[in-house]
Structure formats: structure tokens, C-alpha cells
Amino acid sequence: MEKPRNIVGPVVRELREKQGLTQAALVAKLNLAGWDVSRDIVARIEGQIRWIADFEVVKLAEGLGLDAPDLIRQAVAKGQKRPQSLPELIRKPPK
């Protein structure tokens, strides 16, 4: 298998399925939110085949009802392969 191109794909799939959404239904939500995306693109993101821009992470998170940092934190917590510097970027500040 090739090196994953994103870390959030499996979490996007998991959250989408938990919400009872098909890829087509998620795409419809994302289109209404202003992101012109297709079901094929969502499938490639979920399969970690497609690289994701920062604004796309934000739109995916919003479409799934959470914010981008939470989506990334969930991906890191699930142990998705990631760049070594990513945990430092998303570490929650101490309370």
C-alpha cells in the first residue's frame, strides 16, 4: 500500500457512517456549505488516496458537525500515520 496522503480519511468515514450518512448525502451537505466536491473525491479522501487542503479539512469537519482541530485530534488519537510534527501543531493548550 502506498503512503497515506491524509490522516483524517478513516475518521471521516467512521463519523459519516455513525451519522447514517452515505457518501452522496455527505457530498450534498458539503455542496450546500459551499464546497464543490464529488462523491469520488470523498471516497478518495476516506481511502487516504487524496491529499487534503486545509480548507477542505475545515469543510469536512463542519459537514460532520465538529471543528477541524477535533477532526485532526481524533485522527491522531486513532493512530493514523502522520507527519512527525503534527502532534505539536494540534496539542491542546493546558487549562
Protein backbone atom coordinates (compact mmCIF):
# COMPACT_ATOMS: atom_id res chain seq x y z
CA MET A 1 0.00 0.00 0.00
CA GLU A 2 1.17 3.50 -0.79
CA LYS A 3 1.90 6.00 1.93
CA PRO A 4 -1.36 7.63 3.14
CA ARG A 5 -1.96 11.08 1.66
CA ASN A 6 -4.06 12.31 4.61
CA ILE A 7 -4.71 11.33 8.20
CA VAL A 8 -8.39 12.15 8.55
CA GLY A 9 -9.91 9.87 5.90
CA PRO A 10 -10.70 6.87 8.12
CA VAL A 11 -12.17 9.16 10.80
CA VAL A 12 -14.32 10.92 8.20
CA ARG A 13 -15.65 7.52 7.09
CA GLU A 14 -16.29 6.41 10.67
CA LEU A 15 -18.11 9.62 11.64
CA ARG A 16 -20.13 9.63 8.41
CA GLU A 17 -21.26 6.05 8.97
CA LYS A 18 -22.11 6.70 12.64
CA GLN A 19 -24.36 9.53 11.49
CA GLY A 20 -26.05 7.24 8.99
CA LEU A 21 -24.86 9.28 6.02
CA THR A 22 -23.94 7.87 2.64
CA GLN A 23 -21.05 9.44 0.77
CA ALA A 24 -23.63 11.06 -1.53
CA ALA A 25 -25.50 12.56 1.45
CA LEU A 26 -22.26 13.97 2.90
CA VAL A 27 -21.39 15.41 -0.51
CA ALA A 28 -24.80 17.11 -0.65
CA LYS A 29 -24.16 18.71 2.76
CA LEU A 30 -20.70 19.85 1.67
CA ASN A 31 -22.04 21.26 -1.61
CA LEU A 32 -24.69 23.24 0.28
CA ALA A 33 -21.94 24.55 2.57
CA GLY A 34 -20.07 25.91 -0.44
CA TRP A 35 -17.54 23.22 -1.29
CA ASP A 36 -17.96 21.90 -4.86
CA VAL A 37 -16.92 18.32 -4.17
CA SER A 38 -17.95 14.98 -5.69
CA ARG A 39 -18.64 11.57 -4.17
CA ASP A 40 -15.50 10.25 -5.86
CA ILE A 41 -13.37 12.85 -4.09
CA VAL A 42 -14.91 11.98 -0.71
CA ALA A 43 -14.24 8.28 -1.41
CA ARG A 44 -10.59 9.03 -2.20
CA ILE A 45 -10.24 11.14 0.94
CA GLU A 46 -11.75 8.37 3.08
CA GLY A 47 -9.39 5.86 1.44
CA GLN A 48 -6.41 8.14 2.16
CA ILE A 49 -5.61 8.26 -1.55
CA ARG A 50 -6.18 12.00 -1.93
CA TRP A 51 -4.27 14.84 -0.31
CA ILE A 52 -6.50 17.36 1.52
CA ALA A 53 -6.10 21.14 1.65
CA ASP A 54 -6.58 22.93 4.93
CA PHE A 55 -9.89 24.49 3.88
CA GLU A 56 -11.13 21.01 2.93
CA VAL A 57 -10.40 19.69 6.42
CA VAL A 58 -12.44 22.60 7.79
CA LYS A 59 -15.36 21.90 5.42
CA LEU A 60 -15.29 18.13 6.12
CA ALA A 61 -15.34 18.77 9.85
CA GLU A 62 -18.23 21.23 9.55
CA GLY A 63 -20.16 18.78 7.38
CA LEU A 64 -19.74 16.17 10.11
CA GLY A 65 -20.73 18.56 12.92
CA LEU A 66 -17.37 19.25 14.56
CA ASP A 67 -14.46 21.62 14.18
CA ALA A 68 -11.24 20.94 12.29
CA PRO A 69 -8.96 20.60 15.33
CA ASP A 70 -11.28 17.94 16.78
CA LEU A 71 -11.26 16.03 13.50
CA ILE A 72 -7.45 16.07 13.43
CA ARG A 73 -7.21 15.13 17.12
CA GLN A 74 -9.45 12.13 16.53
CA ALA A 75 -7.27 11.04 13.62
CA VAL A 76 -4.13 11.34 15.74
CA ALA A 77 -5.78 9.51 18.66
CA LYS A 78 -6.71 6.66 16.33
CA GLY A 79 -3.05 6.33 15.47
CA GLN A 80 -3.27 7.36 11.84
CA LYS A 81 0.07 7.78 10.15
CA ARG A 82 1.07 11.41 10.27
CA PRO A 83 3.97 13.79 9.84
CA GLN A 84 6.10 13.82 12.99
CA SER A 85 5.39 17.50 13.65
CA LEU A 86 1.59 17.20 13.58
CA PRO A 87 1.08 16.31 17.27
CA GLU A 88 2.87 19.52 18.23
CA LEU A 89 0.58 21.52 15.96
CA ILE A 90 -2.65 20.22 17.43
CA ARG A 91 -1.76 19.66 21.06
CA LYS A 92 -4.41 21.22 23.27
CA PRO A 93 -3.14 24.10 25.39
CA PRO A 94 -3.02 23.36 29.14
CA LYS A 95 -6.07 24.51 31.06
